[in-house]
Amino acid sequence: MTEIRDTAGRWPVTESEVIARGRIVTLRSDTVRMPGGELADREVVEHPGAVAIVALDTRDRVLMIRQYRHPAAALLWELPAGLRDVEGEPLAHTAQRELLEEAGCKAREWHVLADFFTSPGISTERLRIFLARDLTVVPEADRGYVPEHEEAYLTVDWVPLDEAVRLALRGHLHNGVAILGILSAYAAKGEGFAALRHAADPETL
């Protein structure tokens, strides 16, 4: 039986051209040599990656935020999340910072729920979703962060994990990271979260 596990690998790139550079992403075109020798052009969006957090309280409620997303033209219910935009910062530290900035919480217990590429056919963006438990709410004056732009208008609420799963299956949630995080947490809860990796474990690909 074939081992079902993703593996790293790169087919030869014979030519690469930057098409455009933005504030966060870069668009490039690669000419890739297929195993049979055929050449194919592939557009790639270079993205720094991100982290997201499923924060669960003692009542198994998940902390969710509603944020305006301009490309989607929608107000989406999501998980606290943020870019990997600090050079050399451990991913767990990035997650701790984002949970504090966006939701005003700290957590004592951290584990990894999932590592994944958001859209591997077009983008290098990869995410790590953490599970955070044993939460403490930090007073606004002690957070050391002033939200701006979309983050200044966030709505924060707590949703029972079981209900969050139902919302996802009914089509009421549309953020892919939130849906994957909620379903992963629900699945992991069935084993008492015993199968989860440590927050400091390296990415597996």
C-alpha atoms as a PDB file:
ATOM      1  CA  MET A   1       0.000   0.000   0.000  1.00  0.00           C
ATOM      2  CA  THR A   2       1.273   3.472  -0.883  1.00  0.00           C
ATOM      3  CA  GLU A   3       2.137   5.687   2.093  1.00  0.00           C
ATOM      4  CA  ILE A   4      -0.317   8.575   2.170  1.00  0.00           C
ATOM      5  CA  ARG A   5       1.922  11.478   3.074  1.00  0.00           C
ATOM      6  CA  ASP A   6       2.848  14.691   1.278  1.00  0.00           C
ATOM      7  CA  THR A   7       6.502  15.011   0.309  1.00  0.00           C
ATOM      8  CA  ALA A   8       8.644  17.953  -0.758  1.00  0.00           C
ATOM      9  CA  GLY A   9       9.875  18.065  -4.335  1.00  0.00           C
ATOM     10  CA  ARG A  10      10.440  20.547  -7.132  1.00  0.00           C
ATOM     11  CA  TRP A  11      10.347  20.058 -10.892  1.00  0.00           C
ATOM     12  CA  PRO A  12      12.967  22.083 -12.818  1.00  0.00           C
ATOM     13  CA  VAL A  13      12.190  25.731 -13.576  1.00  0.00           C
ATOM     14  CA  THR A  14      13.798  26.831 -16.839  1.00  0.00           C
ATOM     15  CA  GLU A  15      12.714  30.470 -16.624  1.00  0.00           C
ATOM     16  CA  SER A  16      11.137  32.762 -14.027  1.00  0.00           C
ATOM     17  CA  GLU A  17       9.822  36.302 -14.389  1.00  0.00           C
ATOM     18  CA  VAL A  18       8.366  38.697 -11.802  1.00  0.00           C
ATOM     19  CA  ILE A  19       5.138  40.146 -13.187  1.00  0.00           C
ATOM     20  CA  ALA A  20       4.169  42.443 -10.302  1.00  0.00           C
ATOM     21  CA  ARG A  21       5.134  43.250  -6.716  1.00  0.00           C
ATOM     22  CA  GLY A  22       2.609  44.367  -4.131  1.00  0.00           C
ATOM     23  CA  ARG A  23       2.867  45.354  -0.494  1.00  0.00           C
ATOM     24  CA  ILE A  24       2.337  41.760   0.683  1.00  0.00           C
ATOM     25  CA  VAL A  25       2.424  39.482  -2.365  1.00  0.00           C
ATOM     26  CA  THR A  26       4.490  39.087  -5.528  1.00  0.00           C
ATOM     27  CA  LEU A  27       3.186  37.593  -8.764  1.00  0.00           C
ATOM     28  CA  ARG A  28       5.653  35.673 -10.908  1.00  0.00           C
ATOM     29  CA  SER A  29       5.540  33.390 -13.939  1.00  0.00           C
ATOM     30  CA  ASP A  30       7.599  30.165 -13.939  1.00  0.00           C
ATOM     31  CA  THR A  31       8.292  27.913 -16.909  1.00  0.00           C
ATOM     32  CA  VAL A  32       8.308  24.375 -15.488  1.00  0.00           C
ATOM     33  CA  ARG A  33       9.740  21.292 -17.172  1.00  0.00           C
ATOM     34  CA  MET A  34       7.385  18.323 -16.775  1.00  0.00           C
ATOM     35  CA  PRO A  35       8.856  14.824 -16.197  1.00  0.00           C
ATOM     36  CA  GLY A  36       8.294  13.983 -19.864  1.00  0.00           C
ATOM     37  CA  GLY A  37      10.186  17.082 -21.012  1.00  0.00           C
ATOM     38  CA  GLU A  38       7.202  19.289 -21.895  1.00  0.00           C
ATOM     39  CA  LEU A  39       7.382  22.938 -20.754  1.00  0.00           C
ATOM     40  CA  ALA A  40       4.425  24.647 -19.078  1.00  0.00           C
ATOM     41  CA  ASP A  41       3.985  28.195 -17.765  1.00  0.00           C
ATOM     42  CA  ARG A  42       2.665  28.501 -14.213  1.00  0.00           C
ATOM     43  CA  GLU A  43       1.726  31.744 -12.450  1.00  0.00           C
ATOM     44  CA  VAL A  44       2.681  31.819  -8.764  1.00  0.00           C
ATOM     45  CA  VAL A  45       1.579  34.241  -6.036  1.00  0.00           C
ATOM     46  CA  GLU A  46       4.384  34.518  -3.474  1.00  0.00           C
ATOM     47  CA  HIS A  47       2.882  34.993  -0.008  1.00  0.00           C
ATOM     48  CA  PRO A  48       4.629  35.171   3.394  1.00  0.00           C
ATOM     49  CA  GLY A  49       2.160  32.776   5.017  1.00  0.00           C
ATOM     50  CA  ALA A  50       0.061  33.160   8.142  1.00  0.00           C
ATOM     51  CA  VAL A  51      -1.083  31.620  11.401  1.00  0.00           C
ATOM     52  CA  ALA A  52      -4.564  31.195  12.861  1.00  0.00           C
ATOM     53  CA  ILE A  53      -5.856  30.223  16.273  1.00  0.00           C
ATOM     54  CA  VAL A  54      -8.774  28.132  17.504  1.00  0.00           C
ATOM     55  CA  ALA A  55      -9.137  29.525  21.037  1.00  0.00           C
ATOM     56  CA  LEU A  56     -11.385  27.361  23.230  1.00  0.00           C
ATOM     57  CA  ASP A  57     -12.649  28.351  26.665  1.00  0.00           C
ATOM     58  CA  THR A  58     -13.570  25.979  29.499  1.00  0.00           C
ATOM     59  CA  ARG A  59     -17.091  25.604  28.055  1.00  0.00           C
ATOM     60  CA  ASP A  60     -15.712  24.480  24.669  1.00  0.00           C
ATOM     61  CA  ARG A  61     -16.724  27.722  23.005  1.00  0.00           C
ATOM     62  CA  VAL A  62     -14.542  28.919  20.139  1.00  0.00           C
ATOM     63  CA  LEU A  63     -13.566  32.572  19.918  1.00  0.00           C
ATOM     64  CA  MET A  64     -14.588  34.028  16.560  1.00  0.00           C
ATOM     65  CA  ILE A  65     -14.149  37.459  15.026  1.00  0.00           C
ATOM     66  CA  ARG A  66     -16.136  39.120  12.251  1.00  0.00           C
ATOM     67  CA  GLN A  67     -13.957  41.084   9.852  1.00  0.00           C
ATOM     68  CA  TYR A  68     -14.533  42.936   6.597  1.00  0.00           C
ATOM     69  CA  ARG A  69     -12.725  41.275   3.681  1.00  0.00           C
ATOM     70  CA  HIS A  70     -12.516  43.572   0.700  1.00  0.00           C
ATOM     71  CA  PRO A  71     -11.629  40.990  -2.005  1.00  0.00           C
ATOM     72  CA  ALA A  72     -14.640  38.887  -0.958  1.00  0.00           C
ATOM     73  CA  ALA A  73     -16.900  41.953  -0.527  1.00  0.00           C
ATOM     74  CA  ALA A  74     -18.166  40.413   2.702  1.00  0.00           C
ATOM     75  CA  LEU A  75     -18.103  40.526   6.485  1.00  0.00           C
ATOM     76  CA  LEU A  76     -16.782  37.081   7.417  1.00  0.00           C
ATOM     77  CA  TRP A  77     -16.717  35.228  10.714  1.00  0.00           C
ATOM     78  CA  GLU A  78     -13.165  33.997  11.145  1.00  0.00           C
ATOM     79  CA  LEU A  79     -10.526  32.858  13.617  1.00  0.00           C
ATOM     80  CA  PRO A  80      -7.935  35.261  15.030  1.00  0.00           C
ATOM     81  CA  ALA A  81      -5.116  35.173  12.486  1.00  0.00           C
ATOM     82  CA  GLY A  82      -2.212  37.124  11.093  1.00  0.00           C
ATOM     83  CA  LEU A  83       0.654  37.195   8.648  1.00  0.00           C
ATOM     84  CA  ARG A  84       4.085  35.709   9.264  1.00  0.00           C
ATOM     85  CA  ASP A  85       5.527  39.176   8.864  1.00  0.00           C
ATOM     86  CA  VAL A  86       8.244  39.229  11.547  1.00  0.00           C
ATOM     87  CA  GLU A  87      11.513  37.770  10.267  1.00  0.00           C
ATOM     88  CA  GLY A  88      12.656  34.776  12.315  1.00  0.00           C
ATOM     89  CA  GLU A  89       9.737  34.854  14.743  1.00  0.00           C
ATOM     90  CA  PRO A  90       8.648  31.364  15.864  1.00  0.00           C
ATOM     91  CA  LEU A  91       5.161  30.578  14.613  1.00  0.00           C
ATOM     92  CA  ALA A  92       3.875  29.993  18.145  1.00  0.00           C
ATOM     93  CA  HIS A  93       4.999  33.505  19.099  1.00  0.00           C
ATOM     94  CA  THR A  94       3.250  34.932  16.040  1.00  0.00           C
ATOM     95  CA  ALA A  95       0.061  33.156  17.091  1.00  0.00           C
ATOM     96  CA  GLN A  96       0.338  34.409  20.667  1.00  0.00           C
ATOM     97  CA  ARG A  97       0.770  37.966  19.408  1.00  0.00           C
ATOM     98  CA  GLU A  98      -2.178  37.749  17.039  1.00  0.00           C
ATOM     99  CA  LEU A  99      -4.483  36.260  19.676  1.00  0.00           C
ATOM    100  CA  LEU A 100      -3.656  39.146  21.996  1.00  0.00           C
ATOM    101  CA  GLU A 101      -3.954  41.860  19.337  1.00  0.00           C
ATOM    102  CA  GLU A 102      -7.152  40.693  17.672  1.00  0.00           C
ATOM    103  CA  ALA A 103      -9.024  39.099  20.555  1.00  0.00           C
ATOM    104  CA  GLY A 104      -7.389  40.430  23.729  1.00  0.00           C
ATOM    105  CA  CYS A 105      -6.589  36.962  25.059  1.00  0.00           C
ATOM    106  CA  LYS A 106      -3.611  34.960  26.252  1.00  0.00           C
ATOM    107  CA  ALA A 107      -3.435  31.168  26.521  1.00  0.00           C
ATOM    108  CA  ARG A 108      -1.286  28.851  28.615  1.00  0.00           C
ATOM    109  CA  GLU A 109      -1.802  25.702  26.553  1.00  0.00           C
ATOM    110  CA  TRP A 110      -0.881  25.572  22.866  1.00  0.00           C
ATOM    111  CA  HIS A 111      -0.938  22.772  20.297  1.00  0.00           C
ATOM    112  CA  VAL A 112      -0.895  22.428  16.502  1.00  0.00           C
ATOM    113  CA  LEU A 113      -4.158  21.553  14.759  1.00  0.00           C
ATOM    114  CA  ALA A 114      -3.133  21.686  11.091  1.00  0.00           C
ATOM    115  CA  ASP A 115      -0.445  22.739   8.617  1.00  0.00           C
ATOM    116  CA  PHE A 116      -1.651  23.389   5.086  1.00  0.00           C
ATOM    117  CA  PHE A 117      -1.391  25.376   1.853  1.00  0.00           C
ATOM    118  CA  THR A 118      -4.420  27.574   1.237  1.00  0.00           C
ATOM    119  CA  SER A 119      -4.347  27.309  -2.572  1.00  0.00           C
ATOM    120  CA  PRO A 120      -1.354  25.243  -3.719  1.00  0.00           C
ATOM    121  CA  GLY A 121      -2.269  25.471  -7.382  1.00  0.00           C
ATOM    122  CA  ILE A 122      -1.567  29.213  -7.459  1.00  0.00           C
ATOM    123  CA  SER A 123       0.001  30.433  -4.193  1.00  0.00           C
ATOM    124  CA  THR A 124       2.928  29.697  -1.848  1.00  0.00           C
ATOM    125  CA  GLU A 125       0.795  30.755   1.147  1.00  0.00           C
ATOM    126  CA  ARG A 126       0.958  28.227   3.960  1.00  0.00           C
ATOM    127  CA  LEU A 127      -0.807  28.324   7.299  1.00  0.00           C
ATOM    128  CA  ARG A 128      -0.450  26.748  10.684  1.00  0.00           C
ATOM    129  CA  ILE A 129      -3.593  26.583  12.806  1.00  0.00           C
ATOM    130  CA  PHE A 130      -3.031  26.401  16.549  1.00  0.00           C
ATOM    131  CA  LEU A 131      -5.316  25.249  19.335  1.00  0.00           C
ATOM    132  CA  ALA A 132      -5.150  27.589  22.335  1.00  0.00           C
ATOM    133  CA  ARG A 133      -6.713  26.696  25.705  1.00  0.00           C
ATOM    134  CA  ASP A 134      -6.604  27.843  29.329  1.00  0.00           C
ATOM    135  CA  LEU A 135      -7.424  31.389  28.254  1.00  0.00           C
ATOM    136  CA  THR A 136      -7.100  34.696  30.075  1.00  0.00           C
ATOM    137  CA  VAL A 137      -8.707  37.942  28.911  1.00  0.00           C
ATOM    138  CA  VAL A 138      -6.243  40.844  28.973  1.00  0.00           C
ATOM    139  CA  PRO A 139      -7.607  44.321  29.799  1.00  0.00           C
ATOM    140  CA  GLU A 140      -7.596  46.596  26.754  1.00  0.00           C
ATOM    141  CA  ALA A 141      -5.200  49.037  28.406  1.00  0.00           C
ATOM    142  CA  ASP A 142      -2.600  46.256  28.850  1.00  0.00           C
ATOM    143  CA  ARG A 143      -2.582  44.894  25.298  1.00  0.00           C
ATOM    144  CA  GLY A 144      -0.018  47.322  23.897  1.00  0.00           C
ATOM    145  CA  TYR A 145      -1.724  47.464  20.517  1.00  0.00           C
ATOM    146  CA  VAL A 146      -3.988  49.983  18.821  1.00  0.00           C
ATOM    147  CA  PRO A 147      -6.058  48.375  16.032  1.00  0.00           C
ATOM    148  CA  GLU A 148      -6.440  50.190  12.736  1.00  0.00           C
ATOM    149  CA  HIS A 149      -8.197  49.820   9.382  1.00  0.00           C
ATOM    150  CA  GLU A 150     -10.388  46.664   9.278  1.00  0.00           C
ATOM    151  CA  GLU A 151      -9.146  45.501  12.679  1.00  0.00           C
ATOM    152  CA  ALA A 152     -10.573  48.638  14.309  1.00  0.00           C
ATOM    153  CA  TYR A 153     -14.061  47.365  13.446  1.00  0.00           C
ATOM    154  CA  LEU A 154     -13.823  43.727  14.521  1.00  0.00           C
ATOM    155  CA  THR A 155     -16.743  42.025  16.232  1.00  0.00           C
ATOM    156  CA  VAL A 156     -15.770  39.319  18.748  1.00  0.00           C
ATOM    157  CA  ASP A 157     -18.058  36.525  19.958  1.00  0.00           C
ATOM    158  CA  TRP A 158     -17.920  33.049  21.491  1.00  0.00           C
ATOM    159  CA  VAL A 159     -19.610  30.157  19.690  1.00  0.00           C
ATOM    160  CA  PRO A 160     -20.031  26.625  21.086  1.00  0.00           C
ATOM    161  CA  LEU A 161     -17.736  24.345  19.094  1.00  0.00           C
ATOM    162  CA  ASP A 162     -20.592  21.986  18.181  1.00  0.00           C
ATOM    163  CA  GLU A 163     -22.629  24.930  16.894  1.00  0.00           C
ATOM    164  CA  ALA A 164     -19.644  26.272  14.927  1.00  0.00           C
ATOM    165  CA  VAL A 165     -19.467  22.907  13.136  1.00  0.00           C
ATOM    166  CA  ARG A 166     -23.168  23.140  12.298  1.00  0.00           C
ATOM    167  CA  LEU A 167     -22.723  26.699  11.017  1.00  0.00           C
ATOM    168  CA  ALA A 168     -19.939  25.531   8.711  1.00  0.00           C
ATOM    169  CA  LEU A 169     -21.968  22.591   7.362  1.00  0.00           C
ATOM    170  CA  ARG A 170     -25.022  24.816   6.790  1.00  0.00           C
ATOM    171  CA  GLY A 171     -22.969  27.176   4.652  1.00  0.00           C
ATOM    172  CA  HIS A 172     -23.128  30.070   7.123  1.00  0.00           C
ATOM    173  CA  LEU A 173     -19.321  30.307   7.340  1.00  0.00           C
ATOM    174  CA  HIS A 174     -17.142  30.942   4.279  1.00  0.00           C
ATOM    175  CA  ASN A 175     -13.610  31.515   5.546  1.00  0.00           C
ATOM    176  CA  GLY A 176     -11.690  28.358   4.663  1.00  0.00           C
ATOM    177  CA  VAL A 177      -9.185  28.705   7.495  1.00  0.00           C
ATOM    178  CA  ALA A 178     -11.993  29.042  10.042  1.00  0.00           C
ATOM    179  CA  ILE A 179     -13.853  26.026   8.669  1.00  0.00           C
ATOM    180  CA  LEU A 180     -10.728  23.833   8.679  1.00  0.00           C
ATOM    181  CA  GLY A 181      -9.778  24.984  12.178  1.00  0.00           C
ATOM    182  CA  ILE A 182     -13.251  24.363  13.597  1.00  0.00           C
ATOM    183  CA  LEU A 183     -13.578  20.906  12.039  1.00  0.00           C
ATOM    184  CA  SER A 184     -10.028  19.971  13.105  1.00  0.00           C
ATOM    185  CA  ALA A 185     -10.702  21.038  16.690  1.00  0.00           C
ATOM    186  CA  TYR A 186     -13.973  19.114  16.718  1.00  0.00           C
ATOM    187  CA  ALA A 187     -12.224  15.973  15.467  1.00  0.00           C
ATOM    188  CA  ALA A 188      -9.322  16.347  17.910  1.00  0.00           C
ATOM    189  CA  LYS A 189     -11.696  16.860  20.822  1.00  0.00           C
ATOM    190  CA  GLY A 190     -12.980  13.300  20.351  1.00  0.00           C
ATOM    191  CA  GLU A 191      -9.560  12.023  21.432  1.00  0.00           C
ATOM    192  CA  GLY A 192      -9.236  14.547  24.231  1.00  0.00           C
ATOM    193  CA  PHE A 193      -6.756  16.488  22.062  1.00  0.00           C
ATOM    194  CA  ALA A 194      -4.174  13.776  22.863  1.00  0.00           C
ATOM    195  CA  ALA A 195      -3.085  13.302  19.232  1.00  0.00           C
ATOM    196  CA  LEU A 196      -2.101  16.926  18.651  1.00  0.00           C
ATOM    197  CA  ARG A 197       1.461  18.063  18.076  1.00  0.00           C
ATOM    198  CA  HIS A 198       3.328  20.438  20.361  1.00  0.00           C
ATOM    199  CA  ALA A 199       3.119  24.096  19.413  1.00  0.00           C
ATOM    200  CA  ALA A 200       6.869  24.298  18.828  1.00  0.00           C
ATOM    201  CA  ASP A 201       7.027  21.302  16.467  1.00  0.00           C
ATOM    202  CA  PRO A 202       8.416  22.186  13.019  1.00  0.00           C
ATOM    203  CA  GLU A 203       6.250  22.160   9.922  1.00  0.00           C
ATOM    204  CA  THR A 204       6.253  18.745   8.311  1.00  0.00           C
ATOM    205  CA  LEU A 205       6.797  19.774   4.680  1.00  0.00           C
END
